[in-house]
């Protein structure tokens, strides 16, 4: 039996997510905690541009995620959307490893995702856009894939701030990536803040 690369990556990300959320607690040690919402706007690629177009940022990208920092991991539920002639994105559960904290929080992570893709056609009537139904040979139902992200956020100590996040999904012909300016709205870390 031959497993595809996406299947192997999906299984690897599930095993990372299944690991214990917290490391062993030392007596008197306090773990850093923070919760926030991330909103992002940027540009990306659904991987469908013609080869002669050579465009890197041909789609508008949007990102919304709910995040929880626990110890050295950030657990996130994320919804992304990229749109132009075609709409695509994912609904994902990610586990990011915090690389550095302080005035700048840097993290990178992966997780399982439900990746979707729909075609949009323009209509001359009052409704400007409608979802085109897929044909039998062009199945557009959501599929399981692997989500990834890497981010750098300023204002980590205040709980609110801004930064950059690159994100994407790997799912056969539905793979995508994007780069977005993100805004973080949340609370300050409650304990164990590094100085």
N, C-alpha and C. Protein backbone atom coordinates (compact mmCIF):
# COMPACT_ATOMS: atom_id res chain seq x y z
N UNK A 1 0.84 -1.17 0.00
CA UNK A 1 0.00 0.00 0.00
C UNK A 1 0.89 1.25 0.00
N UNK A 2 0.63 2.19 -0.92
CA UNK A 2 1.44 3.38 -1.07
C UNK A 2 0.69 4.58 -0.50
N UNK A 3 1.33 5.30 0.43
CA UNK A 3 0.73 6.48 1.03
C UNK A 3 1.23 7.72 0.31
N UNK A 4 0.35 8.66 0.08
CA UNK A 4 0.74 9.91 -0.57
C UNK A 4 1.47 10.80 0.43
N UNK A 5 2.20 11.79 -0.09
CA UNK A 5 2.93 12.73 0.74
C UNK A 5 1.98 13.52 1.64
N UNK A 6 0.84 13.93 1.11
CA UNK A 6 -0.13 14.68 1.91
C UNK A 6 -0.63 13.83 3.07
N UNK A 7 -0.90 12.55 2.83
CA UNK A 7 -1.35 11.66 3.89
C UNK A 7 -0.30 11.52 4.99
N UNK A 8 0.97 11.36 4.58
CA UNK A 8 2.05 11.25 5.57
C UNK A 8 2.20 12.53 6.38
N UNK A 9 2.13 13.69 5.70
CA UNK A 9 2.23 14.96 6.41
C UNK A 9 1.05 15.15 7.35
N UNK A 10 -0.13 14.74 6.93
CA UNK A 10 -1.32 14.84 7.78
C UNK A 10 -1.16 13.98 9.03
N UNK A 11 -0.69 12.75 8.87
CA UNK A 11 -0.49 11.86 10.02
C UNK A 11 0.58 12.40 10.96
N UNK A 12 1.64 13.00 10.39
CA UNK A 12 2.69 13.59 11.23
C UNK A 12 2.15 14.76 12.04
N UNK A 13 1.32 15.60 11.40
CA UNK A 13 0.77 16.75 12.13
C UNK A 13 -0.21 16.29 13.21
N UNK A 14 -0.97 15.23 12.95
CA UNK A 14 -1.89 14.70 13.98
C UNK A 14 -1.11 14.17 15.17
N UNK A 15 0.05 13.56 14.93
CA UNK A 15 0.84 13.05 16.04
C UNK A 15 1.42 14.19 16.88
N UNK A 16 1.77 15.31 16.22
CA UNK A 16 2.25 16.49 16.97
C UNK A 16 1.13 17.03 17.84
N UNK A 17 -0.09 17.09 17.28
CA UNK A 17 -1.22 17.62 18.03
C UNK A 17 -1.63 16.69 19.17
N UNK A 18 -1.35 15.39 19.04
CA UNK A 18 -1.74 14.44 20.07
C UNK A 18 -0.79 14.45 21.26
N UNK A 19 0.40 15.08 21.11
CA UNK A 19 1.34 15.14 22.22
C UNK A 19 0.76 15.98 23.34
N UNK A 20 1.22 15.75 24.57
CA UNK A 20 0.69 16.54 25.69
C UNK A 20 0.88 18.03 25.45
N UNK A 21 -0.13 18.80 25.84
CA UNK A 21 -0.09 20.24 25.63
C UNK A 21 0.95 20.89 26.53
N UNK A 22 1.09 20.41 27.73
CA UNK A 22 2.00 21.04 28.69
C UNK A 22 3.16 20.10 28.99
N UNK A 23 4.32 20.72 29.21
CA UNK A 23 5.45 19.94 29.68
C UNK A 23 5.27 19.69 31.17
N UNK A 24 6.12 18.84 31.74
CA UNK A 24 6.02 18.54 33.17
C UNK A 24 6.17 19.82 33.98
N UNK A 25 5.31 20.01 34.94
CA UNK A 25 5.32 21.23 35.74
C UNK A 25 6.25 21.08 36.92
N UNK A 26 7.15 22.05 37.07
CA UNK A 26 8.05 22.06 38.21
C UNK A 26 7.35 22.75 39.38
N UNK A 27 7.66 22.34 40.62
CA UNK A 27 7.03 23.00 41.77
C UNK A 27 7.36 24.49 41.76
N UNK A 28 6.34 25.32 41.93
CA UNK A 28 6.52 26.76 41.97
C UNK A 28 6.68 27.42 40.61
N UNK A 29 6.75 26.64 39.54
CA UNK A 29 6.91 27.21 38.21
C UNK A 29 5.55 27.62 37.65
N UNK A 30 5.52 28.77 37.01
CA UNK A 30 4.29 29.24 36.40
C UNK A 30 4.43 29.22 34.88
N UNK A 31 3.40 28.80 34.19
CA UNK A 31 3.43 28.72 32.74
C UNK A 31 2.87 29.99 32.13
N UNK A 32 3.48 30.49 31.02
CA UNK A 32 2.92 31.65 30.36
C UNK A 32 1.59 31.29 29.68
N UNK A 33 0.62 32.21 29.78
CA UNK A 33 -0.69 32.00 29.18
C UNK A 33 -1.16 33.31 28.57
N UNK A 34 -1.79 33.22 27.40
CA UNK A 34 -2.41 34.38 26.77
C UNK A 34 -3.41 33.88 25.74
N UNK A 35 -4.47 34.64 25.53
CA UNK A 35 -5.48 34.31 24.54
C UNK A 35 -5.72 35.55 23.68
N UNK A 36 -5.88 35.34 22.37
CA UNK A 36 -6.13 36.47 21.49
C UNK A 36 -6.80 36.03 20.19
N UNK A 37 -7.28 37.02 19.46
CA UNK A 37 -7.87 36.82 18.13
C UNK A 37 -6.96 37.51 17.12
N UNK A 38 -6.72 36.88 15.99
CA UNK A 38 -5.90 37.46 14.94
C UNK A 38 -6.77 37.72 13.72
N UNK A 39 -6.68 38.94 13.17
CA UNK A 39 -7.34 39.31 11.92
C UNK A 39 -6.25 39.69 10.93
N UNK A 40 -6.32 39.14 9.71
CA UNK A 40 -5.28 39.41 8.73
C UNK A 40 -5.81 39.70 7.35
N UNK A 41 -5.08 40.58 6.63
CA UNK A 41 -5.43 40.95 5.26
C UNK A 41 -4.14 40.98 4.45
N UNK A 42 -4.16 40.35 3.26
CA UNK A 42 -2.96 40.33 2.45
C UNK A 42 -3.22 39.80 1.06
N UNK A 43 -2.23 39.09 0.53
CA UNK A 43 -2.32 38.55 -0.82
C UNK A 43 -1.64 37.20 -0.86
N UNK A 44 -2.02 36.38 -1.84
CA UNK A 44 -1.44 35.06 -1.95
C UNK A 44 -1.72 34.44 -3.30
N UNK A 45 -1.62 33.12 -3.34
CA UNK A 45 -1.75 32.40 -4.60
C UNK A 45 -2.46 31.07 -4.35
N UNK A 46 -3.44 30.78 -5.21
CA UNK A 46 -4.13 29.49 -5.15
C UNK A 46 -3.46 28.43 -6.01
N UNK A 47 -2.32 28.77 -6.61
CA UNK A 47 -1.58 27.80 -7.40
C UNK A 47 -2.22 27.44 -8.71
N UNK A 48 -2.96 28.37 -9.30
CA UNK A 48 -3.64 28.05 -10.55
C UNK A 48 -3.33 29.03 -11.67
N UNK A 49 -2.42 29.98 -11.43
CA UNK A 49 -2.08 30.94 -12.47
C UNK A 49 -1.39 30.24 -13.64
N UNK A 50 -1.62 30.73 -14.84
CA UNK A 50 -0.95 30.19 -16.02
C UNK A 50 0.55 30.42 -15.87
N UNK A 51 1.35 29.50 -16.41
CA UNK A 51 2.79 29.58 -16.21
C UNK A 51 3.39 30.85 -16.81
N UNK A 52 2.80 31.40 -17.89
CA UNK A 52 3.35 32.60 -18.50
C UNK A 52 2.99 33.87 -17.74
N UNK A 53 2.04 33.80 -16.79
CA UNK A 53 1.64 34.99 -16.03
C UNK A 53 2.68 35.35 -14.98
N UNK A 54 3.31 34.36 -14.36
CA UNK A 54 4.37 34.58 -13.38
C UNK A 54 3.95 35.55 -12.27
N UNK A 55 2.78 35.34 -11.70
CA UNK A 55 2.27 36.18 -10.62
C UNK A 55 2.44 35.46 -9.28
N UNK A 56 2.93 36.19 -8.29
CA UNK A 56 3.07 35.60 -6.96
C UNK A 56 1.90 35.99 -6.06
N UNK A 57 1.39 37.19 -6.21
CA UNK A 57 0.32 37.68 -5.35
C UNK A 57 -0.89 38.04 -6.20
N UNK A 58 -1.57 37.04 -6.74
CA UNK A 58 -2.70 37.31 -7.63
C UNK A 58 -4.06 37.11 -6.97
N UNK A 59 -4.11 36.86 -5.67
CA UNK A 59 -5.38 36.67 -4.97
C UNK A 59 -5.39 37.53 -3.70
N UNK A 60 -6.55 38.05 -3.33
CA UNK A 60 -6.71 38.72 -2.04
C UNK A 60 -6.82 37.63 -0.96
N UNK A 61 -6.20 37.87 0.19
CA UNK A 61 -6.20 36.86 1.26
C UNK A 61 -6.75 37.45 2.55
N UNK A 62 -7.53 36.64 3.26
CA UNK A 62 -8.11 37.03 4.54
C UNK A 62 -7.89 35.90 5.54
N UNK A 63 -7.71 36.27 6.80
CA UNK A 63 -7.40 35.30 7.85
C UNK A 63 -8.08 35.73 9.15
N UNK A 64 -8.71 34.78 9.82
CA UNK A 64 -9.25 34.99 11.16
C UNK A 64 -8.86 33.76 11.98
N UNK A 65 -8.32 33.99 13.17
CA UNK A 65 -7.96 32.84 14.01
C UNK A 65 -8.15 33.18 15.48
N UNK A 66 -8.48 32.16 16.27
CA UNK A 66 -8.54 32.25 17.72
C UNK A 66 -7.34 31.49 18.25
N UNK A 67 -6.57 32.11 19.14
CA UNK A 67 -5.29 31.57 19.57
C UNK A 67 -5.20 31.48 21.09
N UNK A 68 -4.51 30.46 21.56
CA UNK A 68 -4.27 30.28 22.99
C UNK A 68 -2.82 29.88 23.19
N UNK A 69 -2.05 30.75 23.87
CA UNK A 69 -0.66 30.46 24.20
C UNK A 69 -0.63 29.70 25.51
N UNK A 70 -0.07 28.50 25.47
CA UNK A 70 0.10 27.68 26.67
C UNK A 70 1.53 27.16 26.67
N UNK A 71 2.30 27.60 27.65
CA UNK A 71 3.70 27.23 27.76
C UNK A 71 4.44 27.72 26.52
N UNK A 72 5.01 26.84 25.71
CA UNK A 72 5.75 27.26 24.52
C UNK A 72 5.01 26.89 23.24
N UNK A 73 3.70 26.66 23.33
CA UNK A 73 2.90 26.31 22.15
C UNK A 73 1.73 27.26 22.01
N UNK A 74 1.38 27.54 20.76
CA UNK A 74 0.19 28.32 20.46
C UNK A 74 -0.79 27.40 19.75
N UNK A 75 -1.96 27.22 20.32
CA UNK A 75 -3.02 26.40 19.73
C UNK A 75 -3.98 27.35 19.02
N UNK A 76 -4.27 27.09 17.76
CA UNK A 76 -5.09 28.01 16.96
C UNK A 76 -6.15 27.28 16.17
N UNK A 77 -7.31 27.92 16.05
CA UNK A 77 -8.34 27.50 15.11
C UNK A 77 -8.40 28.62 14.08
N UNK A 78 -8.21 28.28 12.81
CA UNK A 78 -8.02 29.28 11.77
C UNK A 78 -8.98 29.08 10.61
N UNK A 79 -9.47 30.21 10.07
CA UNK A 79 -10.26 30.21 8.83
C UNK A 79 -9.57 31.15 7.87
N UNK A 80 -9.27 30.68 6.66
CA UNK A 80 -8.63 31.52 5.65
C UNK A 80 -9.48 31.53 4.38
N UNK A 81 -9.30 32.60 3.60
CA UNK A 81 -10.02 32.72 2.33
C UNK A 81 -9.16 33.52 1.37
N UNK A 82 -8.95 32.97 0.18
CA UNK A 82 -8.29 33.66 -0.91
C UNK A 82 -9.28 33.75 -2.05
N UNK A 83 -9.37 34.92 -2.71
CA UNK A 83 -10.41 35.08 -3.72
C UNK A 83 -9.96 35.97 -4.86
N UNK A 84 -10.35 35.58 -6.07
CA UNK A 84 -10.35 36.41 -7.28
C UNK A 84 -11.36 35.74 -8.21
N UNK A 85 -10.91 35.06 -9.26
CA UNK A 85 -11.83 34.29 -10.10
C UNK A 85 -12.24 33.00 -9.41
N UNK A 86 -11.40 32.51 -8.54
CA UNK A 86 -11.66 31.29 -7.78
C UNK A 86 -11.50 31.61 -6.30
N UNK A 87 -12.31 30.97 -5.47
CA UNK A 87 -12.23 31.15 -4.02
C UNK A 87 -11.66 29.88 -3.42
N UNK A 88 -10.73 30.01 -2.50
CA UNK A 88 -10.16 28.85 -1.84
C UNK A 88 -9.70 29.23 -0.45
N UNK A 89 -9.36 28.24 0.34
CA UNK A 89 -8.88 28.47 1.69
C UNK A 89 -9.02 27.23 2.53
N UNK A 90 -9.03 27.41 3.85
CA UNK A 90 -9.13 26.25 4.73
C UNK A 90 -9.75 26.61 6.07
N UNK A 91 -10.13 25.58 6.78
CA UNK A 91 -10.51 25.62 8.18
C UNK A 91 -9.53 24.68 8.86
N UNK A 92 -8.71 25.21 9.78
CA UNK A 92 -7.58 24.42 10.28
C UNK A 92 -7.43 24.52 11.79
N UNK A 93 -6.82 23.48 12.36
CA UNK A 93 -6.40 23.43 13.75
C UNK A 93 -4.89 23.33 13.73
N UNK A 94 -4.21 24.33 14.32
CA UNK A 94 -2.75 24.37 14.26
C UNK A 94 -2.12 24.35 15.64
N UNK A 95 -0.93 23.79 15.70
CA UNK A 95 -0.10 23.84 16.89
C UNK A 95 1.22 24.49 16.48
N UNK A 96 1.45 25.73 16.95
CA UNK A 96 2.68 26.47 16.63
C UNK A 96 3.66 26.33 17.78
N UNK A 97 4.91 26.17 17.46
CA UNK A 97 5.98 26.18 18.45
C UNK A 97 6.52 27.60 18.53
N UNK A 98 6.57 28.16 19.73
CA UNK A 98 7.11 29.51 19.91
C UNK A 98 8.63 29.44 19.80
N UNK A 99 9.18 30.21 18.87
CA UNK A 99 10.63 30.22 18.65
C UNK A 99 11.28 31.25 19.57
N UNK A 100 10.68 32.42 19.68
CA UNK A 100 11.19 33.45 20.58
C UNK A 100 10.04 34.30 21.09
N UNK A 101 10.20 34.83 22.32
CA UNK A 101 9.19 35.71 22.93
C UNK A 101 9.89 36.92 23.50
N UNK A 102 9.13 37.93 23.76
CA UNK A 102 9.64 39.19 24.29
C UNK A 102 8.83 40.29 23.65
N UNK A 103 9.52 41.31 23.12
CA UNK A 103 8.80 42.34 22.38
C UNK A 103 8.28 41.79 21.06
N UNK A 104 8.92 40.75 20.56
CA UNK A 104 8.54 40.11 19.30
C UNK A 104 8.28 38.64 19.55
N UNK A 105 7.09 38.17 19.17
CA UNK A 105 6.77 36.75 19.28
C UNK A 105 6.91 36.12 17.89
N UNK A 106 7.76 35.12 17.76
CA UNK A 106 7.97 34.42 16.49
C UNK A 106 7.59 32.96 16.72
N UNK A 107 6.75 32.43 15.80
CA UNK A 107 6.34 31.03 15.93
C UNK A 107 6.11 30.42 14.54
N UNK A 108 6.11 29.11 14.50
CA UNK A 108 5.83 28.36 13.27
C UNK A 108 5.12 27.08 13.66
N UNK A 109 4.18 26.64 12.81
CA UNK A 109 3.44 25.44 13.14
C UNK A 109 2.72 24.79 11.98
N UNK A 110 2.14 23.63 12.28
CA UNK A 110 1.38 22.84 11.30
C UNK A 110 0.16 22.24 11.98
N UNK A 111 -0.73 21.70 11.17
CA UNK A 111 -1.89 21.02 11.71
C UNK A 111 -2.82 20.54 10.60
N UNK A 112 -3.81 19.75 10.96
CA UNK A 112 -4.76 19.25 9.96
C UNK A 112 -5.72 20.36 9.52
N UNK A 113 -6.19 20.26 8.27
CA UNK A 113 -7.07 21.29 7.72
C UNK A 113 -8.11 20.66 6.80
N UNK A 114 -9.23 21.36 6.68
CA UNK A 114 -10.25 21.05 5.69
C UNK A 114 -10.10 22.12 4.61
N UNK A 115 -9.57 21.74 3.45
CA UNK A 115 -9.23 22.68 2.38
C UNK A 115 -10.36 22.69 1.35
N UNK A 116 -10.80 23.89 0.97
CA UNK A 116 -11.90 24.01 0.02
C UNK A 116 -11.48 24.84 -1.18
N UNK A 117 -12.22 24.68 -2.28
CA UNK A 117 -12.00 25.45 -3.49
C UNK A 117 -13.31 25.55 -4.23
N UNK A 118 -13.72 26.75 -4.64
CA UNK A 118 -14.94 26.99 -5.40
C UNK A 118 -14.65 27.95 -6.55
N UNK A 119 -15.34 27.78 -7.64
CA UNK A 119 -15.23 28.72 -8.74
C UNK A 119 -16.34 29.74 -8.63
N UNK A 120 -16.04 30.99 -8.97
CA UNK A 120 -17.03 32.05 -8.97
C UNK A 120 -17.16 32.59 -10.39
N UNK A 121 -18.37 32.77 -10.83
CA UNK A 121 -18.60 33.33 -12.16
C UNK A 121 -19.36 34.64 -12.01
N UNK A 122 -19.07 35.58 -12.88
CA UNK A 122 -19.75 36.86 -12.85
C UNK A 122 -21.10 36.75 -13.53
N UNK A 123 -22.08 37.47 -13.01
CA UNK A 123 -23.44 37.43 -13.56
C UNK A 123 -23.87 38.86 -13.86
N UNK A 124 -24.57 39.08 -14.95
CA UNK A 124 -24.99 40.42 -15.34
C UNK A 124 -26.19 40.92 -14.54
N UNK A 125 -26.85 40.04 -13.82
CA UNK A 125 -28.06 40.40 -13.09
C UNK A 125 -27.75 41.14 -11.80
N UNK A 126 -28.78 41.32 -10.94
CA UNK A 126 -28.60 42.04 -9.69
C UNK A 126 -27.60 41.38 -8.75
N UNK A 127 -27.52 40.07 -8.80
CA UNK A 127 -26.51 39.37 -7.99
C UNK A 127 -25.24 39.28 -8.80
N UNK A 128 -24.18 39.92 -8.33
CA UNK A 128 -22.97 40.01 -9.15
C UNK A 128 -22.18 38.72 -9.18
N UNK A 129 -22.30 37.93 -8.14
CA UNK A 129 -21.48 36.71 -8.09
C UNK A 129 -22.32 35.52 -7.64
N UNK A 130 -22.06 34.38 -8.22
CA UNK A 130 -22.75 33.15 -7.82
C UNK A 130 -21.75 32.01 -7.84
N UNK A 131 -21.96 31.05 -6.98
CA UNK A 131 -21.07 29.88 -6.98
C UNK A 131 -21.45 28.97 -8.13
N UNK A 132 -20.45 28.63 -8.90
CA UNK A 132 -20.67 27.73 -10.03
C UNK A 132 -20.69 26.30 -9.52
N UNK A 133 -21.66 25.52 -9.99
CA UNK A 133 -21.69 24.11 -9.59
C UNK A 133 -20.57 23.37 -10.28
N UNK A 134 -20.01 22.40 -9.59
CA UNK A 134 -18.90 21.65 -10.17
C UNK A 134 -19.42 20.55 -11.08
N UNK A 135 -18.61 20.25 -12.09
CA UNK A 135 -18.96 19.16 -12.99
C UNK A 135 -18.48 17.84 -12.39
N UNK A 136 -18.84 16.75 -13.02
CA UNK A 136 -18.48 15.43 -12.48
C UNK A 136 -16.97 15.23 -12.45
N UNK A 137 -16.24 15.82 -13.42
CA UNK A 137 -14.80 15.62 -13.47
C UNK A 137 -14.04 16.69 -12.69
N UNK A 138 -14.74 17.63 -12.10
CA UNK A 138 -14.11 18.71 -11.35
C UNK A 138 -14.73 18.79 -9.96
N UNK A 139 -14.43 17.82 -9.12
CA UNK A 139 -15.02 17.72 -7.79
C UNK A 139 -14.43 18.80 -6.89
N UNK A 140 -15.27 19.67 -6.34
CA UNK A 140 -14.82 20.77 -5.51
C UNK A 140 -15.21 20.61 -4.04
N UNK A 141 -15.53 19.41 -3.61
CA UNK A 141 -15.86 19.20 -2.20
C UNK A 141 -14.60 19.38 -1.36
N UNK A 142 -14.73 19.87 -0.12
CA UNK A 142 -13.55 20.05 0.74
C UNK A 142 -12.83 18.73 0.98
N UNK A 143 -11.51 18.81 1.09
CA UNK A 143 -10.69 17.62 1.35
C UNK A 143 -9.76 17.88 2.53
N UNK A 144 -9.25 16.81 3.12
CA UNK A 144 -8.31 16.91 4.23
C UNK A 144 -6.93 17.27 3.68
N UNK A 145 -6.28 18.20 4.34
CA UNK A 145 -4.94 18.61 3.94
C UNK A 145 -4.10 18.98 5.15
N UNK A 146 -2.96 19.58 4.90
CA UNK A 146 -2.04 19.99 5.95
C UNK A 146 -1.92 21.51 5.92
N UNK A 147 -2.23 22.16 7.03
CA UNK A 147 -2.10 23.61 7.15
C UNK A 147 -0.76 23.95 7.78
N UNK A 148 -0.20 25.10 7.40
CA UNK A 148 1.04 25.57 7.99
C UNK A 148 0.96 27.09 8.21
N UNK A 149 1.77 27.58 9.13
CA UNK A 149 1.84 29.02 9.37
C UNK A 149 3.19 29.38 9.98
N UNK A 150 3.61 30.61 9.76
CA UNK A 150 4.78 31.19 10.40
C UNK A 150 4.45 32.66 10.62
N UNK A 151 4.74 33.16 11.83
CA UNK A 151 4.34 34.53 12.14
C UNK A 151 5.37 35.23 13.01
N UNK A 152 5.37 36.55 12.89
CA UNK A 152 6.15 37.44 13.75
C UNK A 152 5.20 38.54 14.21
N UNK A 153 4.95 38.61 15.53
CA UNK A 153 4.00 39.57 16.10
C UNK A 153 4.70 40.53 17.04
N UNK A 154 4.49 41.83 16.83
CA UNK A 154 4.97 42.86 17.74
C UNK A 154 3.89 43.12 18.79
N UNK A 155 4.29 43.62 19.95
CA UNK A 155 3.33 43.93 21.00
C UNK A 155 2.89 42.72 21.79
N UNK A 156 3.72 41.68 21.84
CA UNK A 156 3.34 40.45 22.54
C UNK A 156 3.13 40.70 24.03
N UNK A 157 3.87 41.62 24.62
CA UNK A 157 3.75 41.86 26.07
C UNK A 157 2.48 42.62 26.41
N UNK A 158 1.94 43.39 25.47
CA UNK A 158 0.74 44.16 25.75
C UNK A 158 -0.54 43.38 25.44
N UNK A 159 -0.42 42.28 24.70
CA UNK A 159 -1.59 41.49 24.34
C UNK A 159 -2.18 41.89 23.01
N UNK A 160 -2.09 43.17 22.64
CA UNK A 160 -2.56 43.62 21.34
C UNK A 160 -1.37 44.11 20.55
N UNK A 161 -1.44 43.96 19.23
CA UNK A 161 -0.32 44.37 18.41
C UNK A 161 -0.56 44.04 16.95
N UNK A 162 0.52 43.98 16.19
CA UNK A 162 0.44 43.72 14.77
C UNK A 162 1.66 42.90 14.36
N UNK A 163 1.66 42.43 13.13
CA UNK A 163 2.79 41.67 12.63
C UNK A 163 2.53 41.13 11.24
N UNK A 164 3.33 40.16 10.84
CA UNK A 164 3.21 39.50 9.56
C UNK A 164 3.01 38.02 9.79
N UNK A 165 2.18 37.41 8.96
CA UNK A 165 1.98 35.96 9.03
C UNK A 165 1.93 35.40 7.61
N UNK A 166 2.73 34.37 7.39
CA UNK A 166 2.60 33.61 6.15
C UNK A 166 1.84 32.34 6.51
N UNK A 167 0.96 31.92 5.64
CA UNK A 167 0.15 30.74 5.92
C UNK A 167 -0.22 30.06 4.61
N UNK A 168 -0.66 28.83 4.73
CA UNK A 168 -1.05 28.09 3.54
C UNK A 168 -1.58 26.72 3.88
N UNK A 169 -1.89 25.99 2.83
CA UNK A 169 -2.38 24.63 2.97
C UNK A 169 -1.82 23.76 1.86
N UNK A 170 -1.56 22.51 2.20
CA UNK A 170 -1.06 21.54 1.22
C UNK A 170 -2.13 20.47 1.06
N UNK A 171 -2.70 20.40 -0.14
CA UNK A 171 -3.76 19.43 -0.40
C UNK A 171 -3.85 19.17 -1.90
N UNK A 172 -2.89 18.45 -2.43
CA UNK A 172 -2.90 18.06 -3.84
C UNK A 172 -3.04 19.29 -4.73
N UNK A 173 -4.08 19.36 -5.58
CA UNK A 173 -4.26 20.48 -6.49
C UNK A 173 -4.90 21.69 -5.83
N UNK A 174 -5.23 21.61 -4.55
CA UNK A 174 -5.86 22.73 -3.85
C UNK A 174 -4.90 23.47 -2.94
N UNK A 175 -3.62 23.23 -3.09
CA UNK A 175 -2.64 23.90 -2.25
C UNK A 175 -2.67 25.41 -2.49
N UNK A 176 -2.35 26.17 -1.44
CA UNK A 176 -2.33 27.62 -1.55
C UNK A 176 -1.35 28.18 -0.53
N UNK A 177 -1.00 29.45 -0.68
CA UNK A 177 -0.17 30.15 0.30
C UNK A 177 -0.50 31.62 0.25
N UNK A 178 -0.18 32.34 1.32
CA UNK A 178 -0.45 33.78 1.38
C UNK A 178 0.45 34.44 2.41
N UNK A 179 0.56 35.75 2.29
CA UNK A 179 1.28 36.59 3.25
C UNK A 179 0.33 37.71 3.64
N UNK A 180 0.17 37.92 4.96
CA UNK A 180 -0.83 38.89 5.43
C UNK A 180 -0.27 39.77 6.55
N UNK A 181 -0.73 41.01 6.57
CA UNK A 181 -0.53 41.89 7.70
C UNK A 181 -1.61 41.53 8.71
N UNK A 182 -1.21 41.20 9.94
CA UNK A 182 -2.18 40.73 10.93
C UNK A 182 -2.24 41.68 12.12
N UNK A 183 -3.42 41.70 12.73
CA UNK A 183 -3.67 42.50 13.92
C UNK A 183 -4.12 41.56 15.03
N UNK A 184 -3.49 41.70 16.18
CA UNK A 184 -3.75 40.83 17.32
C UNK A 184 -4.55 41.60 18.36
N UNK A 185 -5.68 41.03 18.79
CA UNK A 185 -6.53 41.64 19.80
C UNK A 185 -6.72 40.64 20.92
N UNK A 186 -6.16 40.94 22.10
CA UNK A 186 -6.28 39.98 23.19
C UNK A 186 -5.74 40.50 24.50
N UNK A 187 -5.43 39.56 25.38
CA UNK A 187 -4.95 39.93 26.70
C UNK A 187 -3.45 39.72 26.83
N UNK A 188 -2.89 40.25 27.90
CA UNK A 188 -1.46 40.11 28.16
C UNK A 188 -1.17 38.72 28.71
N UNK A 189 0.07 38.23 28.54
CA UNK A 189 0.43 36.97 29.20
C UNK A 189 0.24 37.10 30.71
N UNK A 190 -0.29 36.07 31.34
CA UNK A 190 -0.62 36.16 32.76
C UNK A 190 0.50 35.72 33.68
N UNK A 191 1.42 34.87 33.20
CA UNK A 191 2.48 34.39 34.08
C UNK A 191 3.65 33.93 33.24
N UNK A 192 4.83 33.94 33.84
CA UNK A 192 6.01 33.39 33.19
C UNK A 192 6.50 34.21 32.02
N UNK A 193 6.20 35.49 31.96
CA UNK A 193 6.61 36.33 30.85
C UNK A 193 8.13 36.46 30.85
N UNK A 194 8.75 36.22 29.69
CA UNK A 194 10.19 36.36 29.59
C UNK A 194 10.57 37.82 29.45
N UNK A 195 11.66 38.21 30.09
CA UNK A 195 12.09 39.61 30.01
C UNK A 195 13.48 39.68 29.41
